[in-house]
Protein backbone atom coordinates (compact mmCIF):
# COMPACT_ATOMS: atom_id res chain seq x y z
CA MET A 1 17.07 60.58 -120.19
CA PHE A 2 13.46 60.97 -121.35
CA ILE A 3 12.65 57.43 -120.14
CA ILE A 4 14.00 58.16 -116.66
CA TYR A 5 12.01 61.39 -116.50
CA LEU A 6 8.87 59.56 -117.63
CA MET A 7 9.35 56.83 -115.02
CA VAL A 8 9.77 59.41 -112.23
CA VAL A 9 6.61 61.21 -113.35
CA LEU A 10 4.67 57.92 -113.41
CA ILE A 11 5.87 56.88 -109.94
CA VAL A 12 5.05 60.29 -108.47
CA GLY A 13 1.66 60.20 -110.21
CA VAL A 14 0.79 56.81 -108.75
CA LEU A 15 1.90 57.88 -105.27
CA LEU A 16 -0.20 61.03 -105.48
CA ALA A 17 -3.19 59.07 -106.77
CA GLY A 18 -2.95 56.82 -103.73
CA GLN A 19 -2.70 59.75 -101.32
CA PHE A 20 -5.83 61.32 -102.80
CA GLY A 21 -7.80 58.08 -102.48
CA LEU A 22 -7.96 57.37 -106.20
CA LEU A 23 -6.69 53.79 -105.66
CA SER A 24 -9.11 52.85 -102.87
CA GLY A 25 -11.81 51.47 -105.17
CA LYS A 26 -15.51 51.39 -104.38
CA GLN A 27 -17.10 49.48 -101.54
CA PRO A 28 -19.11 46.55 -102.92
CA ASN A 29 -22.85 46.94 -102.44
CA ASN A 30 -23.35 43.27 -101.53
CA ILE A 31 -21.16 43.08 -98.43
CA GLY A 32 -22.67 41.11 -95.58
CA VAL A 33 -24.32 37.77 -94.96
CA ALA A 34 -27.10 36.44 -97.18
CA ASN A 35 -28.53 32.94 -96.70
CA GLU A 36 -25.76 32.13 -94.20
CA ARG A 37 -23.08 32.98 -96.74
CA LEU A 38 -20.57 35.76 -97.15
CA LYS A 39 -20.06 37.19 -100.61
CA PRO A 40 -18.33 34.64 -102.90
CA PRO A 41 -14.60 35.05 -103.50
CA SER A 42 -13.52 37.09 -106.52
CA LYS A 43 -13.17 35.37 -109.88
CA THR A 44 -9.54 36.51 -109.92
CA ARG A 45 -6.62 35.79 -107.56
CA ASN A 46 -7.28 38.66 -105.20
CA SER A 47 -9.42 37.22 -102.42
CA VAL A 48 -9.72 34.42 -99.88
CA SER A 49 -12.78 32.94 -98.24
CA SER A 50 -13.47 30.20 -95.73
CA GLN A 51 -16.66 29.55 -97.68
CA ALA A 52 -14.97 29.13 -101.07
CA HIS A 53 -15.84 25.42 -100.97
CA LEU A 54 -19.54 26.36 -101.26
CA HIS A 55 -18.81 27.55 -104.82
CA THR A 56 -17.56 24.33 -106.44
CA ASP A 57 -17.57 25.85 -109.92
CA HIS A 58 -15.42 28.79 -108.82
CA GLU A 59 -12.45 29.46 -111.12
CA GLN A 60 -10.07 30.22 -108.23
CA LEU A 61 -11.38 27.66 -105.72
CA GLN A 62 -7.94 26.28 -104.85
CA TYR A 63 -6.39 29.74 -104.45
CA ALA A 64 -9.34 31.32 -102.60
CA SER A 65 -9.85 28.62 -99.94
CA ILE A 66 -8.80 29.44 -96.38
CA GLU A 67 -9.78 27.96 -93.03
CA PRO A 68 -12.32 29.72 -90.78
CA LEU A 69 -11.35 30.91 -87.30
CA PRO A 70 -12.18 28.51 -84.46
CA PHE A 71 -14.37 29.61 -81.57
CA LYS A 72 -12.55 30.36 -78.34
CA ASN A 73 -13.83 28.04 -75.57
CA ASN A 74 -16.88 27.19 -77.71
CA ASN A 75 -18.22 30.71 -77.13
CA ALA A 76 -19.19 32.94 -80.07
CA ALA A 77 -19.53 36.14 -78.03
CA ASN A 78 -16.09 35.84 -76.43
CA SER A 79 -14.62 34.90 -79.79
CA MET A 80 -16.01 38.00 -81.47
CA GLN A 81 -14.78 40.22 -78.62
CA ALA A 82 -11.30 38.74 -78.99
CA LEU A 83 -11.45 39.25 -82.75
CA VAL A 84 -12.49 42.90 -82.37
CA ALA A 85 -9.52 43.47 -80.04
CA VAL A 86 -7.16 41.92 -82.60
CA LEU A 87 -8.59 43.97 -85.47
CA LYS A 88 -8.32 47.21 -83.47
CA SER A 89 -4.63 46.51 -82.90
CA THR A 90 -3.91 45.54 -86.52
CA PRO A 91 -2.18 48.37 -88.45
CA GLY A 92 -4.20 49.66 -91.40
CA VAL A 93 -7.43 47.92 -90.32
CA THR A 94 -10.53 49.97 -89.49
CA ILE A 95 -13.71 48.33 -88.25
CA VAL A 96 -16.66 49.71 -90.21
CA ASP A 97 -19.44 47.61 -88.69
CA ALA A 98 -19.41 45.31 -85.66
CA LYS A 99 -22.44 43.28 -84.63
CA PRO A 100 -22.59 40.31 -82.25
CA ASP A 101 -22.34 37.89 -85.19
CA TYR A 102 -20.70 39.95 -87.97
CA ILE A 103 -17.72 42.27 -88.45
CA TYR A 104 -16.93 44.30 -91.55
CA ALA A 105 -13.58 46.08 -91.78
CA HIS A 106 -11.42 47.95 -94.27
CA ALA A 107 -7.74 47.12 -94.58
CA LYS A 108 -5.77 49.97 -96.14
CA THR A 109 -2.22 49.64 -97.45
CA LYS A 110 0.26 52.12 -96.06
CA VAL A 111 1.73 53.74 -99.15
CA LEU A 112 -0.75 53.48 -102.03
CA LYS A 113 -3.89 53.37 -99.82
CA PHE A 114 -5.46 50.37 -101.59
CA VAL A 115 -8.53 49.22 -99.63
CA ASP A 116 -9.47 45.58 -99.10
CA ASP A 117 -12.80 44.47 -97.66
CA VAL A 118 -12.57 42.04 -94.74
CA GLU A 119 -15.58 40.25 -93.26
CA PHE A 120 -16.13 37.85 -90.37
CA TRP A 121 -19.37 36.00 -89.59
CA VAL A 122 -20.27 33.66 -86.75
CA ASN A 123 -21.44 30.38 -88.24
CA PRO A 124 -23.43 28.89 -85.35
CA VAL A 125 -23.99 25.58 -87.14
CA LYS A 126 -20.28 24.89 -87.65
CA GLY A 127 -19.11 26.65 -84.50
CA VAL A 128 -16.56 28.80 -86.37
CA ILE A 129 -16.06 32.35 -87.58
CA GLU A 130 -16.20 32.44 -91.36
CA VAL A 131 -13.86 34.92 -93.02
CA ARG A 132 -13.56 36.66 -96.37
CA SER A 133 -10.89 39.16 -97.44
CA ALA A 134 -10.85 40.67 -100.92
CA SER A 135 -9.08 43.41 -102.82
CA ARG A 136 -11.30 45.99 -104.45
CA LEU A 137 -8.95 46.64 -107.35
CA GLY A 138 -6.74 44.48 -109.52
CA ARG A 139 -6.68 40.86 -110.54
CA GLU A 140 -3.82 39.64 -108.32
CA ASP A 141 -3.08 40.43 -104.68
CA PHE A 142 0.26 38.57 -104.45
CA GLY A 143 -0.98 36.76 -101.34
CA VAL A 144 -1.73 39.90 -99.32
CA ASN A 145 -5.27 38.90 -98.31
CA ARG A 146 -4.15 35.40 -97.25
CA ALA A 147 -1.21 36.81 -95.29
CA ARG A 148 -3.49 39.33 -93.55
CA VAL A 149 -6.03 36.68 -92.53
CA GLU A 150 -3.28 34.36 -91.29
CA ALA A 151 -1.72 37.21 -89.26
CA ILE A 152 -5.14 37.99 -87.77
CA ARG A 153 -5.63 34.27 -87.05
CA ALA A 154 -2.26 34.03 -85.27
CA ALA A 155 -2.98 37.10 -83.11
CA TYR A 156 -6.54 35.89 -82.40
CA ILE A 157 -5.36 32.45 -81.30
CA ALA A 158 -2.56 33.93 -79.17
CA ASN A 159 -4.96 36.44 -77.57
């Protein structure tokens, strides 16, 4: 009986911690684009990046790699407008910063309020929108960041 009581207390404690923002983590101070690169993917299995290939010595290169978003009609401005519309309609996603060539958003889980950082940058040389999505906490995201980016990609392409 004690074990059941302890489990209930732990579950309620975790749920309350999430509701009070104790599981949201801290925003990284190096978000953004530097030298035409987004922040590298995490060293653990909790992020994806279309620029993972630029870090050939990365421990999670295979896991972290994801394709960038294609431009719509070879037009960066229209592509970013379409992406903003998709992000605004994506549950749990809040746009924090939107510039003509860069978008930074928070993706918050519904129950525990974990926050992931999601970035998009127009790469004019490649004619694509580079993407990075990373969990702030934990070592494993169970594919959540990849699934989110792929859902955004599908809505963006359909839009």
